[in-house]
Amino acid sequence: MRSLFIFIAASICCFAAFAQSDDSDPHLLSLRGSSISKQIEVTGKSRWAIHDSILESKAKSNVLRWTIGASFMVSAGYFNSSPKILQSGATISDARIRTSFAYGDYYFFYDANFGNGRFSQMDAYFKYSHKEQRYSGTHSIKAGYVSNIASMGYNTSMFNLHFITRAAPVQAFSSGRHLGALYKYVNKYVLFEQGVFAESPYNNYNGIVLSGRWLYKPINREDITLHFGISARYRKRVRMDTSFMSASSLETDIDGNDIFLSRHSPNASNIGEGTFEFALRTNRFFARGEGIFRRVGNDLLGGAYIEAGFCIFGRPYTYNERPGAIGGLRGHHTLEVVARYSQTRLDNTVHIATLGLNYDVNDYIVFMGAYSLTVDKGLNVQDGLVHSAQIKMLLSF
C-alpha cells in the first residue's frame, strides 16, 4: 500500500513537470507539454529532437535541474496450446517512478519499478558527458547500475519497442542490468561503447564481464538512417559455482514460464557472446535485426530475429542517436503495422512469427496489439504450435 501511494503521488507531480524516460538512455526534462507542442508546429521536428536541443542549451547554463516522471504498463494475453501450458490473464507489467538531477555536464538518474506487485531495481547511475567540436561527437563516462550494452534490442527501451516485448533471443541471451562502469563515444556516423561490469546483479558478485558495442552509420540523414554493428561480451567466473541458465519467456509479460526456451549449462567458468546487427529507418518504414550466439563451456547456443514496420499515418519514424536504435511511436494519432520473425536455439529450437498493430494516441499514451504463432521443435505441445493474442497499454509522463 505504501508503494502504491508513493507511485500515485509521483504521477500527480508529473503534471507540474512533464518528464519522459527511456530505460536505457533517459530524456528527462522539466518542461511543459504546451511549449513543446508549439515548437513542433513551427519547426516540424519531433518532440524528442526538440527535447535534446533544449537539454543541451540548458546544460551549458550550469543550472541545477531536477525532474520526476512515472510510467505504467498493463498487459493482457490469451494463449492456446494442447496441453495448455501458458496461463492467459492480465498483469501490471511496469509501474515506474524515476527521477534525475543534472548540472552542466553532470547527470544522475534513478529508476524503480513496482510492476507485478514487487519492487525491481532498474537503472541507477551517474554520467559525465563532454561534447567535442571537431567531429560533433559526445564522449561520456557512466558508472552505476546500468543495462546490458552488448545488444541493440536491450538498448531499445520499453517505450521505443514496436512489439509487446523484446524478441525471444534478446531476452534469452541478455543478462539485464549490472553494476559497472563504461565509456561511450557517439557522433553522426559511429558509436563506440565498452565497459567492465560485475557479472551478477546487486551485490552478489560472481565474476567479471567485459562488454562492448560498435556501430557504423554509412547513411544518417533526417529522412533515412542505416547502421551496421557488432557486439561482444566475455564473462569470467571466479566462484566455485559455475552453473549457468539461458532462458526466456515466450515473448510475453503475462506468463514467465520458460519451459519452451531454457538451457542449463553446468560447467560455465568462461562464457563468450557475440552479436551482429543492422537497422534501416526511413520516414515511413523500418527494418532491423540481430544474430546472437553464446558459447557456454561446450555448448554453442544462438538465435536471431528480424522485424519491420510501416507507418500508415502520423508522425514519421526517428532514429535515436544516444542508444543507437530506432525510436518508438511518438506523436498525435500515429498508426503502424509491424511484423517480426525470431528463432531461438537452446535445448530445442523455437520459431515465433508475430503480426502487430500499434496506435499512438499522443506523446504519453500508446496501445499495442499482436498475434503470434510459435512453432516448438521440442514438442512441448502435441502439435508443436502455440497461438498467442496480446494487447498492451503504455502511459508515460
Protein backbone atom coordinates (compact mmCIF):
# COMPACT_ATOMS: atom_id res chain seq x y z
CA MET A 1 0.00 0.00 0.00
CA ARG A 2 2.84 2.38 0.84
CA SER A 3 4.48 1.70 -2.55
CA LEU A 4 1.18 2.37 -4.33
CA PHE A 5 0.77 5.68 -2.51
CA ILE A 6 4.26 6.77 -3.49
CA PHE A 7 3.61 5.84 -7.13
CA ILE A 8 0.33 7.80 -7.28
CA ALA A 9 1.90 10.83 -5.62
CA ALA A 10 4.80 10.81 -8.09
CA SER A 11 2.39 10.53 -11.01
CA ILE A 12 0.50 13.61 -9.83
CA CYS A 13 3.75 15.56 -9.59
CA CYS A 14 4.38 14.82 -13.26
CA PHE A 15 1.56 17.13 -14.35
CA ALA A 16 3.52 20.04 -12.90
CA ALA A 17 6.77 18.99 -14.62
CA PHE A 18 6.26 16.58 -17.52
CA ALA A 19 9.14 14.13 -17.90
CA GLN A 20 9.74 11.33 -20.37
CA SER A 21 12.20 8.50 -19.79
CA ASP A 22 13.96 5.93 -21.86
CA ASP A 23 15.00 3.00 -19.69
CA SER A 24 18.32 2.62 -21.49
CA ASP A 25 19.14 6.29 -22.13
CA PRO A 26 16.61 8.63 -20.50
CA HIS A 27 15.42 12.04 -21.67
CA LEU A 28 14.06 13.65 -18.51
CA LEU A 29 13.20 17.33 -18.69
CA SER A 30 11.27 19.82 -16.56
CA LEU A 31 9.25 21.14 -19.50
CA ARG A 32 5.58 21.85 -20.01
CA GLY A 33 4.00 19.94 -22.88
CA SER A 34 2.31 23.02 -24.37
CA SER A 35 5.59 24.82 -25.12
CA ILE A 36 6.99 21.73 -26.82
CA SER A 37 3.83 21.31 -28.90
CA LYS A 38 4.14 24.87 -30.21
CA GLN A 39 7.72 24.20 -31.33
CA ILE A 40 6.60 21.03 -33.10
CA GLU A 41 4.02 23.01 -35.08
CA VAL A 42 6.54 25.68 -36.05
CA THR A 43 9.63 23.56 -36.79
CA GLY A 44 8.12 20.20 -37.75
CA LYS A 45 10.71 18.43 -35.59
CA SER A 46 9.87 15.52 -33.32
CA ARG A 47 9.26 16.10 -29.62
CA TRP A 48 12.44 14.26 -28.72
CA ALA A 49 14.64 16.21 -31.15
CA ILE A 50 13.37 19.40 -29.52
CA HIS A 51 13.93 17.89 -26.07
CA ASP A 52 17.56 17.14 -26.98
CA SER A 53 18.26 20.67 -28.22
CA ILE A 54 16.75 22.21 -25.08
CA LEU A 55 18.66 19.76 -22.89
CA GLU A 56 21.97 20.80 -24.47
CA SER A 57 21.24 24.53 -24.22
CA LYS A 58 20.21 24.25 -20.58
CA ALA A 59 23.28 22.15 -19.76
CA LYS A 60 25.54 24.99 -20.90
CA SER A 61 23.86 27.38 -18.46
CA ASN A 62 25.03 25.33 -15.45
CA VAL A 63 21.60 25.47 -13.82
CA LEU A 64 20.71 22.62 -11.46
CA ARG A 65 17.72 20.78 -12.90
CA TRP A 66 15.55 18.19 -11.16
CA THR A 67 12.85 16.12 -12.84
CA ILE A 68 10.44 13.39 -11.83
CA GLY A 69 8.48 11.02 -14.04
CA ALA A 70 6.28 7.95 -13.95
CA SER A 71 5.18 5.23 -16.35
CA PHE A 72 2.57 2.49 -16.30
CA MET A 73 2.04 -0.58 -18.48
CA VAL A 74 -0.90 -3.00 -18.46
CA SER A 75 -0.75 -6.23 -20.49
CA ALA A 76 -3.37 -8.88 -21.24
CA GLY A 77 -2.99 -12.09 -23.24
CA TYR A 78 -4.69 -15.27 -24.39
CA PHE A 79 -2.64 -18.42 -25.10
CA ASN A 80 -3.88 -21.58 -26.78
CA SER A 81 -1.99 -24.88 -26.99
CA SER A 82 -2.56 -28.55 -26.27
CA PRO A 83 -1.84 -29.20 -23.49
CA LYS A 84 -2.38 -25.71 -22.13
CA ILE A 85 0.97 -24.64 -20.64
CA LEU A 86 0.85 -20.84 -20.59
CA GLN A 87 -1.85 -19.22 -18.48
CA SER A 88 -3.97 -16.46 -20.01
CA GLY A 89 -4.62 -13.34 -17.97
CA ALA A 90 -3.56 -9.76 -17.34
CA THR A 91 -0.85 -8.00 -15.35
CA ILE A 92 0.62 -4.62 -14.49
CA SER A 93 3.91 -5.35 -16.20
CA ASP A 94 5.52 -1.99 -15.37
CA ALA A 95 4.79 0.74 -12.81
CA ARG A 96 7.82 3.01 -12.60
CA ILE A 97 8.95 6.09 -10.74
CA ARG A 98 12.06 7.86 -11.96
CA THR A 99 13.98 10.99 -11.20
CA SER A 100 17.06 12.81 -12.45
CA PHE A 101 19.42 15.60 -11.42
CA ALA A 102 21.58 17.46 -13.93
CA TYR A 103 24.14 20.23 -13.59
CA GLY A 104 26.14 21.22 -16.64
CA ASP A 105 27.81 18.08 -17.98
CA TYR A 106 26.95 16.01 -14.88
CA TYR A 107 23.86 13.82 -14.71
CA PHE A 108 22.31 11.38 -12.22
CA PHE A 109 19.37 9.09 -12.99
CA TYR A 110 17.35 6.70 -10.83
CA ASP A 111 14.52 4.39 -11.94
CA ALA A 112 12.47 1.99 -9.78
CA ASN A 113 9.80 -0.48 -10.94
CA PHE A 114 6.82 -1.68 -8.86
CA GLY A 115 5.25 -3.78 -11.63
CA ASN A 116 3.85 -7.27 -10.98
CA GLY A 117 3.38 -6.35 -7.32
CA ARG A 118 7.06 -6.27 -6.40
CA PHE A 119 9.98 -3.85 -6.32
CA SER A 120 12.66 -4.11 -9.00
CA GLN A 121 15.81 -2.01 -9.18
CA MET A 122 16.16 -0.50 -12.65
CA ASP A 123 18.82 1.99 -13.78
CA ALA A 124 20.73 3.95 -11.13
CA TYR A 125 23.82 5.71 -12.45
CA PHE A 126 25.99 8.82 -12.64
CA LYS A 127 27.16 10.16 -16.02
CA TYR A 128 29.61 12.80 -17.19
CA SER A 129 29.38 13.99 -20.81
CA HIS A 130 31.58 16.21 -22.93
CA LYS A 131 30.72 17.38 -26.45
CA GLU A 132 33.67 17.91 -28.76
CA GLN A 133 33.78 20.46 -31.55
CA ARG A 134 35.85 18.81 -34.28
CA TYR A 135 33.60 15.85 -35.17
CA SER A 136 30.44 16.99 -33.33
CA GLY A 137 30.65 13.91 -31.16
CA THR A 138 29.93 13.30 -27.49
CA HIS A 139 32.16 11.50 -25.01
CA SER A 140 30.55 10.14 -21.86
CA ILE A 141 31.55 8.11 -18.82
CA LYS A 142 28.84 6.29 -16.92
CA ALA A 143 29.07 4.39 -13.62
CA GLY A 144 26.44 2.61 -11.56
CA TYR A 145 23.71 0.04 -12.11
CA VAL A 146 23.13 0.02 -15.88
CA SER A 147 21.67 -2.07 -18.73
CA ASN A 148 23.48 -4.66 -20.81
CA ILE A 149 25.17 -2.65 -23.57
CA ALA A 150 26.01 -5.50 -25.98
CA SER A 151 22.61 -5.66 -27.65
CA MET A 152 20.58 -3.31 -29.85
CA GLY A 153 17.38 -4.96 -28.64
CA TYR A 154 18.20 -4.44 -24.98
CA ASN A 155 19.39 -0.88 -25.60
CA THR A 156 15.96 -0.11 -27.05
CA SER A 157 13.74 1.00 -24.18
CA MET A 158 10.28 -0.41 -23.49
CA PHE A 159 8.71 2.83 -24.75
CA ASN A 160 10.60 2.61 -28.04
CA LEU A 161 9.70 -1.01 -28.77
CA HIS A 162 7.34 -1.75 -31.66
CA PHE A 163 6.24 -5.09 -30.20
CA ILE A 164 4.72 -6.24 -26.90
CA THR A 165 8.15 -7.39 -25.65
CA ARG A 166 11.70 -7.68 -26.93
CA ALA A 167 12.41 -10.63 -29.22
CA ALA A 168 12.95 -14.03 -27.55
CA PRO A 169 16.67 -14.27 -28.49
CA VAL A 170 17.34 -10.89 -26.89
CA GLN A 171 15.63 -11.97 -23.68
CA ALA A 172 17.30 -15.39 -23.65
CA PHE A 173 20.85 -14.11 -24.13
CA SER A 174 20.69 -10.83 -22.25
CA SER A 175 21.81 -10.61 -18.64
CA GLY A 176 19.85 -7.49 -17.72
CA ARG A 177 21.43 -4.84 -15.54
CA HIS A 178 24.76 -4.94 -13.70
CA LEU A 179 26.99 -2.77 -11.55
CA GLY A 180 29.83 -1.36 -13.63
CA ALA A 181 31.47 1.50 -15.49
CA LEU A 182 31.61 2.27 -19.22
CA TYR A 183 32.89 4.75 -21.78
CA LYS A 184 30.86 5.82 -24.81
CA TYR A 185 31.52 7.94 -27.87
CA VAL A 186 28.85 8.80 -30.42
CA ASN A 187 28.65 11.12 -33.41
CA LYS A 188 26.69 11.18 -36.66
CA TYR A 189 28.49 8.18 -38.18
CA VAL A 190 29.82 5.98 -35.35
CA LEU A 191 29.01 4.73 -31.87
CA PHE A 192 31.61 3.06 -29.63
CA GLU A 193 30.65 1.77 -26.19
CA GLN A 194 32.62 -0.51 -23.90
CA GLY A 195 32.78 -1.24 -20.19
CA VAL A 196 33.53 -3.60 -17.31
CA PHE A 197 30.81 -5.00 -15.04
CA ALA A 198 30.15 -7.37 -12.17
CA GLU A 199 28.56 -10.50 -13.62
CA SER A 200 25.71 -10.88 -11.12
CA PRO A 201 23.21 -8.13 -10.25
CA TYR A 202 23.20 -6.17 -6.98
CA ASN A 203 25.96 -7.20 -4.54
CA ASN A 204 26.00 -10.91 -5.39
CA TYR A 205 29.45 -10.83 -7.00
CA ASN A 206 30.13 -13.96 -9.05
CA GLY A 207 32.52 -12.86 -11.80
CA ILE A 208 33.58 -10.11 -14.17
CA VAL A 209 32.25 -9.11 -17.59
CA LEU A 210 33.96 -7.20 -20.40
CA SER A 211 31.41 -5.85 -22.86
CA GLY A 212 31.33 -3.64 -25.95
CA ARG A 213 29.17 -2.48 -28.87
CA TRP A 214 30.42 -0.74 -32.01
CA LEU A 215 28.26 0.79 -34.76
CA TYR A 216 28.92 2.35 -38.16
CA LYS A 217 26.25 4.52 -39.83
CA PRO A 218 27.13 4.89 -43.54
CA ILE A 219 23.85 6.76 -44.10
CA ASN A 220 22.43 9.06 -41.45
CA ARG A 221 20.15 11.83 -42.65
CA GLU A 222 16.88 13.24 -41.42
CA ASP A 223 14.90 11.10 -43.87
CA ILE A 224 16.93 7.87 -43.70
CA THR A 225 19.38 6.06 -41.41
CA LEU A 226 21.28 2.82 -41.98
CA HIS A 227 23.61 1.28 -39.42
CA PHE A 228 25.61 -1.93 -39.04
CA GLY A 229 27.17 -3.12 -35.83
CA ILE A 230 28.80 -5.83 -33.77
CA SER A 231 28.82 -6.54 -30.05
CA ALA A 232 30.93 -8.82 -27.86
CA ARG A 233 30.94 -9.95 -24.24
CA TYR A 234 33.28 -12.11 -22.21
CA ARG A 235 32.45 -13.41 -18.73
CA LYS A 236 34.94 -14.89 -16.29
CA ARG A 237 33.55 -16.79 -13.33
CA VAL A 238 35.59 -16.59 -10.10
CA ARG A 239 33.48 -18.71 -7.75
CA MET A 240 33.13 -22.47 -7.46
CA ASP A 241 29.53 -22.43 -8.69
CA THR A 242 29.83 -22.35 -12.48
CA SER A 243 26.30 -23.41 -13.44
CA PHE A 244 24.55 -21.07 -15.88
CA MET A 245 20.98 -20.74 -17.18
CA SER A 246 19.92 -19.31 -20.56
CA ALA A 247 16.15 -18.78 -20.62
CA SER A 248 13.30 -16.62 -21.86
CA SER A 249 9.53 -16.36 -21.66
CA LEU A 250 7.55 -16.79 -24.88
CA GLU A 251 7.63 -13.06 -25.78
CA THR A 252 5.01 -12.16 -23.18
CA ASP A 253 4.70 -10.30 -19.87
CA ILE A 254 1.73 -12.41 -18.76
CA ASP A 255 3.32 -15.80 -18.04
CA GLY A 256 7.06 -16.06 -17.40
CA ASN A 257 7.15 -19.85 -17.90
CA ASP A 258 10.43 -20.73 -19.66
CA ILE A 259 9.63 -24.38 -20.48
CA PHE A 260 9.85 -23.58 -24.22
CA LEU A 261 13.11 -21.62 -24.02
CA SER A 262 15.67 -22.73 -21.43
CA ARG A 263 19.06 -24.39 -21.25
CA HIS A 264 21.06 -25.30 -18.13
CA SER A 265 24.85 -25.39 -18.60
CA PRO A 266 26.53 -26.97 -15.51
CA ASN A 267 30.11 -26.06 -16.44
CA ALA A 268 30.35 -22.37 -17.34
CA SER A 269 33.53 -20.86 -15.91
CA ASN A 270 34.01 -18.85 -19.13
CA ILE A 271 31.23 -17.51 -21.34
CA GLY A 272 31.64 -15.75 -24.69
CA GLU A 273 28.90 -13.91 -26.57
CA GLY A 274 28.72 -12.12 -29.90
CA THR A 275 26.09 -10.19 -31.87
CA PHE A 276 25.72 -8.89 -35.41
CA GLU A 277 23.08 -6.21 -36.08
CA PHE A 278 21.63 -3.89 -38.69
CA ALA A 279 18.95 -1.18 -38.69
CA LEU A 280 17.28 0.73 -41.53
CA ARG A 281 14.91 3.62 -40.92
CA THR A 282 13.06 5.89 -43.34
CA ASN A 283 10.17 8.24 -42.62
CA ARG A 284 7.54 5.52 -43.13
CA PHE A 285 9.41 2.21 -42.96
CA PHE A 286 11.90 0.48 -40.69
CA ALA A 287 13.66 -2.89 -40.63
CA ARG A 288 16.19 -4.22 -38.16
CA GLY A 289 17.61 -7.48 -36.88
CA GLU A 290 20.24 -9.22 -34.79
CA GLY A 291 22.07 -12.54 -34.87
CA ILE A 292 23.21 -13.63 -31.41
CA PHE A 293 25.37 -16.55 -30.25
CA ARG A 294 26.65 -17.71 -26.86
CA ARG A 295 29.45 -20.17 -26.08
CA VAL A 296 28.97 -21.75 -22.64
CA GLY A 297 31.53 -24.48 -21.99
CA ASN A 298 30.97 -26.97 -24.81
CA ASP A 299 27.52 -25.57 -25.64
CA LEU A 300 27.01 -23.28 -28.63
CA LEU A 301 23.64 -21.55 -28.35
CA GLY A 302 22.17 -18.99 -30.70
CA GLY A 303 19.27 -17.09 -32.10
CA ALA A 304 18.23 -14.32 -34.46
CA TYR A 305 15.33 -12.06 -35.26
CA ILE A 306 14.25 -9.65 -37.96
CA GLU A 307 11.44 -7.14 -37.65
CA ALA A 308 9.88 -4.49 -39.88
CA GLY A 309 7.20 -1.84 -39.64
CA PHE A 310 5.24 0.57 -41.81
CA CYS A 311 3.75 3.85 -40.56
CA ILE A 312 0.25 4.06 -42.04
CA PHE A 313 -0.35 7.62 -40.87
CA GLY A 314 1.01 10.04 -38.30
CA ARG A 315 4.48 11.28 -37.42
CA PRO A 316 7.50 9.74 -39.22
CA TYR A 317 9.93 7.28 -37.65
CA THR A 318 13.03 8.69 -35.95
CA TYR A 319 16.48 7.40 -35.09
CA ASN A 320 17.75 7.76 -31.51
CA GLU A 321 21.46 8.58 -31.64
CA ARG A 322 22.29 8.02 -27.96
CA PRO A 323 21.39 4.30 -27.71
CA GLY A 324 21.93 3.71 -31.45
CA ALA A 325 18.41 2.42 -32.06
CA ILE A 326 15.22 3.23 -33.95
CA GLY A 327 12.81 5.33 -31.92
CA GLY A 328 9.28 4.33 -30.99
CA LEU A 329 5.94 5.89 -31.86
CA ARG A 330 5.88 9.46 -30.63
CA GLY A 331 3.14 11.67 -31.99
CA HIS A 332 -0.51 12.62 -32.10
CA HIS A 333 -2.61 9.85 -33.71
CA THR A 334 0.07 7.64 -35.29
CA LEU A 335 -0.75 4.13 -36.56
CA GLU A 336 1.69 1.44 -37.65
CA VAL A 337 1.63 -2.22 -38.68
CA VAL A 338 4.62 -4.41 -37.74
CA ALA A 339 5.87 -7.95 -38.29
CA ARG A 340 8.64 -9.99 -36.68
CA TYR A 341 10.21 -13.44 -37.01
CA SER A 342 12.54 -14.88 -34.38
CA GLN A 343 14.37 -18.15 -33.92
CA THR A 344 15.99 -19.25 -30.65
CA ARG A 345 18.10 -22.39 -30.22
CA LEU A 346 18.61 -23.57 -26.62
CA ASP A 347 17.59 -27.08 -25.52
CA ASN A 348 15.35 -27.07 -28.57
CA THR A 349 14.63 -24.68 -31.45
CA VAL A 350 11.65 -22.34 -31.19
CA HIS A 351 10.32 -20.19 -34.06
CA ILE A 352 7.96 -17.25 -33.37
CA ALA A 353 6.12 -15.23 -36.05
CA THR A 354 4.32 -12.07 -34.89
CA LEU A 355 1.99 -9.57 -36.56
CA GLY A 356 1.15 -6.39 -34.66
CA LEU A 357 -0.82 -3.16 -34.85
CA ASN A 358 0.13 -0.14 -32.71
CA TYR A 359 -1.67 3.16 -32.17
CA ASP A 360 -0.11 6.21 -30.53
CA VAL A 361 -2.85 8.41 -29.07
CA ASN A 362 -0.42 11.17 -28.15
CA ASP A 363 3.09 11.56 -26.73
CA TYR A 364 2.10 9.84 -23.49
CA ILE A 365 -0.37 7.02 -24.36
CA VAL A 366 0.22 4.05 -26.69
CA PHE A 367 -1.92 0.97 -27.42
CA MET A 368 -0.29 -2.18 -28.84
CA GLY A 369 -1.84 -5.41 -30.14
CA ALA A 370 -0.21 -8.56 -31.52
CA TYR A 371 -0.89 -12.12 -32.65
CA SER A 372 1.93 -14.67 -32.51
CA LEU A 373 2.32 -18.21 -33.78
CA THR A 374 5.02 -20.26 -32.05
CA VAL A 375 6.45 -23.43 -33.58
CA ASP A 376 8.17 -25.54 -30.91
CA LYS A 377 10.55 -28.16 -32.35
CA GLY A 378 10.97 -29.61 -28.86
CA LEU A 379 7.33 -30.79 -28.99
CA ASN A 380 6.41 -29.45 -25.55
CA VAL A 381 2.89 -29.32 -27.01
CA GLN A 382 1.16 -32.00 -29.06
CA ASP A 383 1.08 -30.34 -32.47
CA GLY A 384 4.14 -28.16 -31.79
CA LEU A 385 2.09 -24.94 -32.00
CA VAL A 386 1.20 -22.18 -29.54
CA HIS A 387 -1.21 -19.39 -30.50
CA SER A 388 -0.95 -16.06 -28.64
CA ALA A 389 -3.06 -12.89 -28.76
CA GLN A 390 -1.91 -9.95 -26.63
CA ILE A 391 -2.65 -6.30 -26.01
CA LYS A 392 -0.78 -3.66 -24.03
CA MET A 393 -1.45 -0.11 -22.89
CA LEU A 394 1.51 2.17 -22.08
CA LEU A 395 1.34 5.50 -20.25
CA SER A 396 4.39 7.64 -19.57
CA PHE A 397 4.73 11.15 -18.14
